[in-house]
Amino acid sequence: MRILLGEECPGSHVLHQPMGGGDDNIKTWTWKEAVVEARRMAAYLKEPRSAERSHIALCSKNCAHWIMADLAIWMAGHVSIPIFPILTADIVQYTLEHSESKLLFMGKLDPVWDEMKKGVPADLPMIAFPLAPENDVEKWDDIVARHEPLAEPAERSPDEMATIITRPGALEIPKGPCYSFSAMYRSAKGISEYLNTHEGDRVLSYLPLSHVFERWVAESHSLYAGFPLYFADSLDTFVQDLQRAAPRCSFRCRGCGSNFSSVFSKNCLRKSLNACS
């Protein structure tokens, strides 16, 4: 995957993250910068705090740090456990305990996090992304600043488990299908070959990365084909975020991202009517 080529294409900006405040406050990462930052976090995760192949949870709306955290988890030899950013406290607790997660990355979240966090075990270590709600846990930037990049990422075999993507099942009890690196690679390769995607494409990642569909068509697909990912600032700024990204391909899964689709449709309709008046 193109993540391995990070040092060979240092000038290609691949992650575009609104930090709040519109177009004047956009942070970007080249492949090299994203890989180095992920390796710094991987060095922290590699320290003797968790056995190799431990499960590490991610709870955040889509953002650049979601991608880098996922890569860091893999580089450190662990398995990522995405958690939907809108769940009840009891499902959060069930997911974290049932998956035996040893650490939780908390990221960009809505006020519903105030209820969700009640399901996080008190003794579970946490790391906060820069866009996380106010908190008193360890900060991503602080950890990255004090660690050198991991020199030798863990070797991962194709058939090894990469992630467990939990989803509500019967009676709302989460189910957790396991996916290997091979499954992620073959899915990304198939999508890219079918759509003929390449480094020059652009994608706005707005469907939940905690859902298998977006994980394949955005994250894995981007790592395979090498195209940049853009992220939305908020539901209110979605149209502006879309214009900034100017995506060359877009994806939609039935039942996902309906709020974004509604906002997009309403704004496009209003602009069309204004143009005809």
C-alpha atoms as a PDB file:
ATOM      1  CA  MET A   1       0.000   0.000   0.000  1.00  0.00           C
ATOM      2  CA  ARG A   2       1.088   3.570  -0.648  1.00  0.00           C
ATOM      3  CA  ILE A   3       1.602   4.184   3.062  1.00  0.00           C
ATOM      4  CA  LEU A   4       4.913   2.371   2.602  1.00  0.00           C
ATOM      5  CA  LEU A   5       5.943   4.998   0.056  1.00  0.00           C
ATOM      6  CA  GLY A   6       5.643   7.896   2.490  1.00  0.00           C
ATOM      7  CA  GLU A   7       9.293   8.879   2.267  1.00  0.00           C
ATOM      8  CA  GLU A   8       9.276   8.652  -1.554  1.00  0.00           C
ATOM      9  CA  CYS A   9       6.556  11.270  -2.145  1.00  0.00           C
ATOM     10  CA  PRO A  10       7.101  13.860   0.609  1.00  0.00           C
ATOM     11  CA  GLY A  11       5.481  16.732  -1.290  1.00  0.00           C
ATOM     12  CA  SER A  12       2.108  15.129  -1.894  1.00  0.00           C
ATOM     13  CA  HIS A  13      -0.484  16.415   0.589  1.00  0.00           C
ATOM     14  CA  VAL A  14      -2.764  13.503   1.421  1.00  0.00           C
ATOM     15  CA  LEU A  15      -4.675  14.545   4.564  1.00  0.00           C
ATOM     16  CA  HIS A  16      -6.618  17.822   4.706  1.00  0.00           C
ATOM     17  CA  GLN A  17      -8.167  18.598   8.097  1.00  0.00           C
ATOM     18  CA  PRO A  18     -10.301  21.652   8.995  1.00  0.00           C
ATOM     19  CA  MET A  19      -9.290  22.747  12.491  1.00  0.00           C
ATOM     20  CA  GLY A  20     -12.237  25.121  12.976  1.00  0.00           C
ATOM     21  CA  GLY A  21     -12.699  28.590  11.528  1.00  0.00           C
ATOM     22  CA  GLY A  22     -13.154  27.812   7.847  1.00  0.00           C
ATOM     23  CA  ASP A  23     -10.647  27.877   5.015  1.00  0.00           C
ATOM     24  CA  ASP A  24      -8.175  29.962   6.996  1.00  0.00           C
ATOM     25  CA  ASN A  25      -7.492  27.107   9.411  1.00  0.00           C
ATOM     26  CA  ILE A  26      -6.792  23.951   7.427  1.00  0.00           C
ATOM     27  CA  LYS A  27      -4.001  21.597   8.475  1.00  0.00           C
ATOM     28  CA  THR A  28      -2.451  19.324   5.869  1.00  0.00           C
ATOM     29  CA  TRP A  29      -0.031  16.404   5.927  1.00  0.00           C
ATOM     30  CA  THR A  30       2.138  14.961   3.183  1.00  0.00           C
ATOM     31  CA  TRP A  31       2.589  11.199   3.027  1.00  0.00           C
ATOM     32  CA  LYS A  32       5.947  11.583   4.764  1.00  0.00           C
ATOM     33  CA  GLU A  33       4.552  13.815   7.527  1.00  0.00           C
ATOM     34  CA  ALA A  34       1.603  11.503   8.157  1.00  0.00           C
ATOM     35  CA  VAL A  35       3.819   8.424   8.301  1.00  0.00           C
ATOM     36  CA  VAL A  36       6.333  10.069  10.644  1.00  0.00           C
ATOM     37  CA  GLU A  37       3.589  11.274  12.994  1.00  0.00           C
ATOM     38  CA  ALA A  38       1.993   7.830  13.009  1.00  0.00           C
ATOM     39  CA  ARG A  39       5.369   6.253  13.734  1.00  0.00           C
ATOM     40  CA  ARG A  40       5.899   8.594  16.681  1.00  0.00           C
ATOM     41  CA  MET A  41       2.588   7.498  18.158  1.00  0.00           C
ATOM     42  CA  ALA A  42       3.447   3.873  17.340  1.00  0.00           C
ATOM     43  CA  ALA A  43       6.639   4.256  19.397  1.00  0.00           C
ATOM     44  CA  TYR A  44       4.479   5.221  22.377  1.00  0.00           C
ATOM     45  CA  LEU A  45       2.092   2.311  21.799  1.00  0.00           C
ATOM     46  CA  LYS A  46       5.056  -0.042  21.467  1.00  0.00           C
ATOM     47  CA  GLU A  47       6.302   0.782  24.958  1.00  0.00           C
ATOM     48  CA  PRO A  48       5.760  -2.022  27.498  1.00  0.00           C
ATOM     49  CA  ARG A  49       2.216  -1.105  28.498  1.00  0.00           C
ATOM     50  CA  SER A  50       0.270  -3.629  26.385  1.00  0.00           C
ATOM     51  CA  ALA A  51       1.131  -7.040  24.995  1.00  0.00           C
ATOM     52  CA  GLU A  52       1.601  -7.213  21.223  1.00  0.00           C
ATOM     53  CA  ARG A  53      -1.639  -7.787  19.279  1.00  0.00           C
ATOM     54  CA  SER A  54      -3.589  -5.909  21.952  1.00  0.00           C
ATOM     55  CA  HIS A  55      -6.899  -4.314  21.028  1.00  0.00           C
ATOM     56  CA  ILE A  56      -6.941  -0.501  20.938  1.00  0.00           C
ATOM     57  CA  ALA A  57     -10.205   1.403  20.488  1.00  0.00           C
ATOM     58  CA  LEU A  58     -10.897   4.501  18.373  1.00  0.00           C
ATOM     59  CA  CYS A  59     -13.912   6.736  19.005  1.00  0.00           C
ATOM     60  CA  SER A  60     -14.092   9.817  16.817  1.00  0.00           C
ATOM     61  CA  LYS A  61     -15.813  11.391  13.869  1.00  0.00           C
ATOM     62  CA  ASN A  62     -13.780  11.297  10.663  1.00  0.00           C
ATOM     63  CA  CYS A  63     -10.554  13.269  10.852  1.00  0.00           C
ATOM     64  CA  ALA A  64      -6.904  13.049   9.855  1.00  0.00           C
ATOM     65  CA  HIS A  65      -5.891  11.802  13.298  1.00  0.00           C
ATOM     66  CA  TRP A  66      -8.317   8.876  12.932  1.00  0.00           C
ATOM     67  CA  ILE A  67      -6.254   7.665   9.962  1.00  0.00           C
ATOM     68  CA  MET A  68      -2.898   8.269  11.665  1.00  0.00           C
ATOM     69  CA  ALA A  69      -4.039   6.546  14.862  1.00  0.00           C
ATOM     70  CA  ASP A  70      -5.154   3.513  12.870  1.00  0.00           C
ATOM     71  CA  LEU A  71      -1.753   3.348  11.180  1.00  0.00           C
ATOM     72  CA  ALA A  72       0.035   3.784  14.510  1.00  0.00           C
ATOM     73  CA  ILE A  73      -1.948   0.925  16.033  1.00  0.00           C
ATOM     74  CA  TRP A  74      -0.948  -1.364  13.169  1.00  0.00           C
ATOM     75  CA  MET A  75       2.692  -0.261  13.175  1.00  0.00           C
ATOM     76  CA  ALA A  76       2.913  -1.010  16.898  1.00  0.00           C
ATOM     77  CA  GLY A  77       1.604  -4.530  16.300  1.00  0.00           C
ATOM     78  CA  HIS A  78      -1.913  -4.046  17.633  1.00  0.00           C
ATOM     79  CA  VAL A  79      -5.509  -4.374  16.411  1.00  0.00           C
ATOM     80  CA  SER A  80      -7.829  -1.378  15.981  1.00  0.00           C
ATOM     81  CA  ILE A  81     -11.380  -1.365  17.380  1.00  0.00           C
ATOM     82  CA  PRO A  82     -13.434   1.489  15.866  1.00  0.00           C
ATOM     83  CA  ILE A  83     -16.420   2.644  17.921  1.00  0.00           C
ATOM     84  CA  PHE A  84     -19.295   4.592  16.378  1.00  0.00           C
ATOM     85  CA  PRO A  85     -19.174   8.207  17.638  1.00  0.00           C
ATOM     86  CA  ILE A  86     -22.891   8.123  18.512  1.00  0.00           C
ATOM     87  CA  LEU A  87     -23.783   5.304  20.905  1.00  0.00           C
ATOM     88  CA  THR A  88     -25.375   4.817  24.304  1.00  0.00           C
ATOM     89  CA  ALA A  89     -23.120   4.477  27.331  1.00  0.00           C
ATOM     90  CA  ASP A  90     -24.072   0.835  27.865  1.00  0.00           C
ATOM     91  CA  ILE A  91     -23.117  -0.132  24.304  1.00  0.00           C
ATOM     92  CA  VAL A  92     -19.818   1.752  24.644  1.00  0.00           C
ATOM     93  CA  GLN A  93     -19.098  -0.154  27.838  1.00  0.00           C
ATOM     94  CA  TYR A  94     -20.098  -3.488  26.307  1.00  0.00           C
ATOM     95  CA  THR A  95     -17.923  -2.893  23.232  1.00  0.00           C
ATOM     96  CA  LEU A  96     -14.832  -1.853  25.194  1.00  0.00           C
ATOM     97  CA  GLU A  97     -15.131  -4.698  27.670  1.00  0.00           C
ATOM     98  CA  HIS A  98     -16.111  -7.400  25.171  1.00  0.00           C
ATOM     99  CA  SER A  99     -13.249  -6.409  22.834  1.00  0.00           C
ATOM    100  CA  GLU A 100     -10.843  -6.294  25.783  1.00  0.00           C
ATOM    101  CA  SER A 101      -9.559  -2.924  24.608  1.00  0.00           C
ATOM    102  CA  LYS A 102      -6.459  -1.765  26.452  1.00  0.00           C
ATOM    103  CA  LEU A 103      -6.575   1.900  25.414  1.00  0.00           C
ATOM    104  CA  LEU A 104      -9.003   4.353  23.833  1.00  0.00           C
ATOM    105  CA  PHE A 105      -8.309   7.159  21.377  1.00  0.00           C
ATOM    106  CA  MET A 106     -10.987   9.827  21.799  1.00  0.00           C
ATOM    107  CA  GLY A 107     -11.333  12.356  19.036  1.00  0.00           C
ATOM    108  CA  LYS A 108     -13.651  14.784  17.346  1.00  0.00           C
ATOM    109  CA  LEU A 109     -17.028  14.179  19.010  1.00  0.00           C
ATOM    110  CA  ASP A 110     -20.432  15.791  19.426  1.00  0.00           C
ATOM    111  CA  PRO A 111     -21.891  16.749  22.840  1.00  0.00           C
ATOM    112  CA  VAL A 112     -23.361  13.224  23.000  1.00  0.00           C
ATOM    113  CA  TRP A 113     -19.885  12.240  24.217  1.00  0.00           C
ATOM    114  CA  ASP A 114     -20.891  13.530  27.654  1.00  0.00           C
ATOM    115  CA  GLU A 115     -23.252  10.555  27.887  1.00  0.00           C
ATOM    116  CA  MET A 116     -21.097   8.094  25.951  1.00  0.00           C
ATOM    117  CA  LYS A 117     -18.070   8.549  28.200  1.00  0.00           C
ATOM    118  CA  LYS A 118     -20.060   7.204  31.141  1.00  0.00           C
ATOM    119  CA  GLY A 119     -19.571   3.806  29.536  1.00  0.00           C
ATOM    120  CA  VAL A 120     -15.775   4.091  29.442  1.00  0.00           C
ATOM    121  CA  PRO A 121     -14.209   2.050  32.279  1.00  0.00           C
ATOM    122  CA  ALA A 122     -12.544   4.342  34.797  1.00  0.00           C
ATOM    123  CA  ASP A 123      -9.225   2.493  34.584  1.00  0.00           C
ATOM    124  CA  LEU A 124      -8.992   2.529  30.770  1.00  0.00           C
ATOM    125  CA  PRO A 125      -6.118   4.759  29.530  1.00  0.00           C
ATOM    126  CA  MET A 126      -7.153   7.376  26.972  1.00  0.00           C
ATOM    127  CA  ILE A 127      -5.435   9.609  24.417  1.00  0.00           C
ATOM    128  CA  ALA A 128      -7.165  12.737  23.078  1.00  0.00           C
ATOM    129  CA  PHE A 129      -6.911  13.975  19.490  1.00  0.00           C
ATOM    130  CA  PRO A 130      -6.408  17.738  19.049  1.00  0.00           C
ATOM    131  CA  LEU A 131     -10.093  18.175  18.098  1.00  0.00           C
ATOM    132  CA  ALA A 132     -11.411  16.178  21.055  1.00  0.00           C
ATOM    133  CA  PRO A 133     -13.863  17.746  23.536  1.00  0.00           C
ATOM    134  CA  GLU A 134     -12.372  19.312  26.665  1.00  0.00           C
ATOM    135  CA  ASN A 135     -10.667  16.610  28.687  1.00  0.00           C
ATOM    136  CA  ASP A 136      -7.958  15.844  31.226  1.00  0.00           C
ATOM    137  CA  VAL A 137      -6.319  12.854  29.500  1.00  0.00           C
ATOM    138  CA  GLU A 138      -3.023  12.539  27.627  1.00  0.00           C
ATOM    139  CA  LYS A 139      -2.862  14.591  24.445  1.00  0.00           C
ATOM    140  CA  TRP A 140      -1.882  13.262  21.022  1.00  0.00           C
ATOM    141  CA  ASP A 141       0.383  16.244  20.272  1.00  0.00           C
ATOM    142  CA  ASP A 142       2.251  15.916  23.579  1.00  0.00           C
ATOM    143  CA  ILE A 143       2.953  12.226  23.011  1.00  0.00           C
ATOM    144  CA  VAL A 144       4.081  12.795  19.424  1.00  0.00           C
ATOM    145  CA  ALA A 145       6.378  15.638  20.504  1.00  0.00           C
ATOM    146  CA  ARG A 146       8.298  13.555  23.013  1.00  0.00           C
ATOM    147  CA  HIS A 147       8.773  10.380  20.952  1.00  0.00           C
ATOM    148  CA  GLU A 148      11.067   9.594  18.059  1.00  0.00           C
ATOM    149  CA  PRO A 149       9.482   7.729  15.130  1.00  0.00           C
ATOM    150  CA  LEU A 150       9.362   3.964  15.585  1.00  0.00           C
ATOM    151  CA  ALA A 151      12.357   2.704  13.604  1.00  0.00           C
ATOM    152  CA  GLU A 152      11.033  -0.770  12.867  1.00  0.00           C
ATOM    153  CA  PRO A 153       7.245  -1.124  12.617  1.00  0.00           C
ATOM    154  CA  ALA A 154       5.906  -4.535  13.576  1.00  0.00           C
ATOM    155  CA  GLU A 155       5.803  -7.071  10.772  1.00  0.00           C
ATOM    156  CA  ARG A 156       2.212  -7.999   9.955  1.00  0.00           C
ATOM    157  CA  SER A 157       1.245 -10.998   7.853  1.00  0.00           C
ATOM    158  CA  PRO A 158      -1.540 -10.687   5.229  1.00  0.00           C
ATOM    159  CA  ASP A 159      -3.827 -13.103   7.059  1.00  0.00           C
ATOM    160  CA  GLU A 160      -3.337 -11.454  10.443  1.00  0.00           C
ATOM    161  CA  MET A 161      -6.277  -9.653  12.047  1.00  0.00           C
ATOM    162  CA  ALA A 162      -6.095  -5.907  11.417  1.00  0.00           C
ATOM    163  CA  THR A 163      -9.363  -4.643  12.856  1.00  0.00           C
ATOM    164  CA  ILE A 164     -12.660  -5.601  14.450  1.00  0.00           C
ATOM    165  CA  ILE A 165     -15.500  -3.444  13.156  1.00  0.00           C
ATOM    166  CA  THR A 166     -18.292  -3.556  15.683  1.00  0.00           C
ATOM    167  CA  ARG A 167     -21.886  -2.894  14.674  1.00  0.00           C
ATOM    168  CA  PRO A 168     -25.275  -3.278  16.373  1.00  0.00           C
ATOM    169  CA  GLY A 169     -26.734  -6.742  15.993  1.00  0.00           C
ATOM    170  CA  ALA A 170     -29.930  -8.422  17.104  1.00  0.00           C
ATOM    171  CA  LEU A 171     -31.337  -6.824  20.258  1.00  0.00           C
ATOM    172  CA  GLU A 172     -28.792  -4.000  19.705  1.00  0.00           C
ATOM    173  CA  ILE A 173     -25.958  -6.144  21.091  1.00  0.00           C
ATOM    174  CA  PRO A 174     -22.865  -5.195  19.052  1.00  0.00           C
ATOM    175  CA  LYS A 175     -21.343  -7.780  16.761  1.00  0.00           C
ATOM    176  CA  GLY A 176     -17.681  -7.620  15.810  1.00  0.00           C
ATOM    177  CA  PRO A 177     -16.614  -9.129  12.461  1.00  0.00           C
ATOM    178  CA  CYS A 178     -12.843  -9.496  12.223  1.00  0.00           C
ATOM    179  CA  TYR A 179     -10.976  -8.363   9.100  1.00  0.00           C
ATOM    180  CA  SER A 180      -7.455  -9.253   8.041  1.00  0.00           C
ATOM    181  CA  PHE A 181      -4.909  -7.052   6.302  1.00  0.00           C
ATOM    182  CA  SER A 182      -5.408  -9.205   3.231  1.00  0.00           C
ATOM    183  CA  ALA A 183      -9.155  -8.498   3.226  1.00  0.00           C
ATOM    184  CA  MET A 184      -8.534  -4.767   3.453  1.00  0.00           C
ATOM    185  CA  TYR A 185      -5.914  -4.857   0.716  1.00  0.00           C
ATOM    186  CA  ARG A 186      -7.993  -6.959  -1.672  1.00  0.00           C
ATOM    187  CA  SER A 187     -11.052  -4.773  -1.140  1.00  0.00           C
ATOM    188  CA  ALA A 188      -9.081  -1.584  -1.796  1.00  0.00           C
ATOM    189  CA  LYS A 189      -7.399  -3.105  -4.848  1.00  0.00           C
ATOM    190  CA  GLY A 190     -10.728  -4.265  -6.286  1.00  0.00           C
ATOM    191  CA  ILE A 191     -12.393  -0.871  -5.753  1.00  0.00           C
ATOM    192  CA  SER A 192      -9.451   0.978  -7.287  1.00  0.00           C
ATOM    193  CA  GLU A 193      -9.274  -1.280 -10.331  1.00  0.00           C
ATOM    194  CA  TYR A 194     -13.034  -1.126 -10.887  1.00  0.00           C
ATOM    195  CA  LEU A 195     -13.123   2.687 -10.675  1.00  0.00           C
ATOM    196  CA  ASN A 196      -9.670   3.195 -12.207  1.00  0.00           C
ATOM    197  CA  THR A 197      -8.648   5.508  -9.353  1.00  0.00           C
ATOM    198  CA  HIS A 198      -5.155   6.954  -8.970  1.00  0.00           C
ATOM    199  CA  GLU A 199      -3.079   9.555  -7.096  1.00  0.00           C
ATOM    200  CA  GLY A 200      -4.800  12.413  -8.907  1.00  0.00           C
ATOM    201  CA  ASP A 201      -8.231  11.639  -7.481  1.00  0.00           C
ATOM    202  CA  ARG A 202      -9.679  13.383  -4.413  1.00  0.00           C
ATOM    203  CA  VAL A 203     -12.205  12.083  -1.881  1.00  0.00           C
ATOM    204  CA  LEU A 204     -14.160  13.788   0.905  1.00  0.00           C
ATOM    205  CA  SER A 205     -14.481  11.279   3.751  1.00  0.00           C
ATOM    206  CA  TYR A 206     -17.778  11.995   5.493  1.00  0.00           C
ATOM    207  CA  LEU A 207     -19.458   8.620   6.063  1.00  0.00           C
ATOM    208  CA  PRO A 208     -18.403   7.105   9.420  1.00  0.00           C
ATOM    209  CA  LEU A 209     -14.937   5.558   9.318  1.00  0.00           C
ATOM    210  CA  SER A 210     -16.199   3.239  12.044  1.00  0.00           C
ATOM    211  CA  HIS A 211     -18.429   1.681   9.352  1.00  0.00           C
ATOM    212  CA  VAL A 212     -16.883  -0.974   7.116  1.00  0.00           C
ATOM    213  CA  PHE A 213     -18.037   0.785   3.915  1.00  0.00           C
ATOM    214  CA  GLU A 214     -16.122   4.029   4.542  1.00  0.00           C
ATOM    215  CA  ARG A 215     -13.178   2.109   5.932  1.00  0.00           C
ATOM    216  CA  TRP A 216     -12.853   0.373   2.570  1.00  0.00           C
ATOM    217  CA  VAL A 217     -13.755   3.124   0.066  1.00  0.00           C
ATOM    218  CA  ALA A 218     -11.946   5.950   1.867  1.00  0.00           C
ATOM    219  CA  GLU A 219      -9.131   4.825   4.160  1.00  0.00           C
ATOM    220  CA  SER A 220      -8.013   1.531   2.562  1.00  0.00           C
ATOM    221  CA  HIS A 221      -8.735   2.800  -0.950  1.00  0.00           C
ATOM    222  CA  SER A 222      -6.647   5.941  -0.361  1.00  0.00           C
ATOM    223  CA  LEU A 223      -3.750   3.945   1.078  1.00  0.00           C
ATOM    224  CA  TYR A 224      -3.803   1.707  -1.977  1.00  0.00           C
ATOM    225  CA  ALA A 225      -4.324   4.262  -4.750  1.00  0.00           C
ATOM    226  CA  GLY A 226      -2.474   7.153  -3.118  1.00  0.00           C
ATOM    227  CA  PHE A 227      -5.124   9.878  -3.522  1.00  0.00           C
ATOM    228  CA  PRO A 228      -5.705  12.568  -0.846  1.00  0.00           C
ATOM    229  CA  LEU A 229      -8.479  12.486   1.741  1.00  0.00           C
ATOM    230  CA  TYR A 230     -10.385  15.602   2.795  1.00  0.00           C
ATOM    231  CA  PHE A 231     -12.521  15.880   5.916  1.00  0.00           C
ATOM    232  CA  ALA A 232     -15.574  17.937   6.841  1.00  0.00           C
ATOM    233  CA  ASP A 233     -15.506  20.514   9.609  1.00  0.00           C
ATOM    234  CA  SER A 234     -19.166  20.143  10.603  1.00  0.00           C
ATOM    235  CA  LEU A 235     -22.617  19.473   9.235  1.00  0.00           C
ATOM    236  CA  ASP A 236     -23.182  23.226   8.876  1.00  0.00           C
ATOM    237  CA  THR A 237     -20.041  23.680   6.768  1.00  0.00           C
ATOM    238  CA  PHE A 238     -20.470  20.547   4.678  1.00  0.00           C
ATOM    239  CA  VAL A 239     -21.120  22.345   1.398  1.00  0.00           C
ATOM    240  CA  GLN A 240     -18.044  24.554   1.860  1.00  0.00           C
ATOM    241  CA  ASP A 241     -16.005  21.478   2.812  1.00  0.00           C
ATOM    242  CA  LEU A 242     -17.231  19.746  -0.332  1.00  0.00           C
ATOM    243  CA  GLN A 243     -16.261  22.731  -2.465  1.00  0.00           C
ATOM    244  CA  ARG A 244     -12.807  22.815  -0.884  1.00  0.00           C
ATOM    245  CA  ALA A 245     -12.270  19.114  -1.519  1.00  0.00           C
ATOM    246  CA  ALA A 246     -13.635  19.213  -5.095  1.00  0.00           C
ATOM    247  CA  PRO A 247     -13.828  15.400  -5.053  1.00  0.00           C
ATOM    248  CA  ARG A 248     -13.344  13.506  -8.278  1.00  0.00           C
ATOM    249  CA  CYS A 249     -15.255  10.528  -6.935  1.00  0.00           C
ATOM    250  CA  SER A 250     -17.858  10.166  -4.211  1.00  0.00           C
ATOM    251  CA  PHE A 251     -19.426   7.230  -2.399  1.00  0.00           C
ATOM    252  CA  ARG A 252     -22.649   6.673  -0.527  1.00  0.00           C
ATOM    253  CA  CYS A 253     -23.965   3.737   1.480  1.00  0.00           C
ATOM    254  CA  ARG A 254     -27.677   3.389   2.114  1.00  0.00           C
ATOM    255  CA  GLY A 255     -28.446   4.361   5.707  1.00  0.00           C
ATOM    256  CA  CYS A 256     -25.145   6.202   6.226  1.00  0.00           C
ATOM    257  CA  GLY A 257     -24.525   9.913   6.070  1.00  0.00           C
ATOM    258  CA  SER A 258     -28.202  10.820   5.602  1.00  0.00           C
ATOM    259  CA  ASN A 259     -27.756  14.114   7.472  1.00  0.00           C
ATOM    260  CA  PHE A 260     -24.892  15.146   5.192  1.00  0.00           C
ATOM    261  CA  SER A 261     -26.830  14.096   2.105  1.00  0.00           C
ATOM    262  CA  SER A 262     -29.863  16.089   3.241  1.00  0.00           C
ATOM    263  CA  VAL A 263     -27.802  19.243   3.797  1.00  0.00           C
ATOM    264  CA  PHE A 264     -26.052  18.798   0.460  1.00  0.00           C
ATOM    265  CA  SER A 265     -29.338  18.313  -1.426  1.00  0.00           C
ATOM    266  CA  LYS A 266     -31.029  21.290   0.207  1.00  0.00           C
ATOM    267  CA  ASN A 267     -28.108  23.611  -0.523  1.00  0.00           C
ATOM    268  CA  CYS A 268     -27.761  22.471  -4.121  1.00  0.00           C
ATOM    269  CA  LEU A 269     -31.521  22.916  -4.657  1.00  0.00           C
ATOM    270  CA  ARG A 270     -31.440  26.417  -3.134  1.00  0.00           C
ATOM    271  CA  LYS A 271     -28.493  27.457  -5.329  1.00  0.00           C
ATOM    272  CA  SER A 272     -30.227  26.084  -8.408  1.00  0.00           C
ATOM    273  CA  LEU A 273     -33.406  28.017  -7.635  1.00  0.00           C
ATOM    274  CA  ASN A 274     -31.428  31.193  -6.983  1.00  0.00           C
ATOM    275  CA  ALA A 275     -29.669  30.813 -10.298  1.00  0.00           C
ATOM    276  CA  CYS A 276     -33.014  30.552 -12.110  1.00  0.00           C
ATOM    277  CA  SER A 277     -34.680  33.482 -10.374  1.00  0.00           C
END
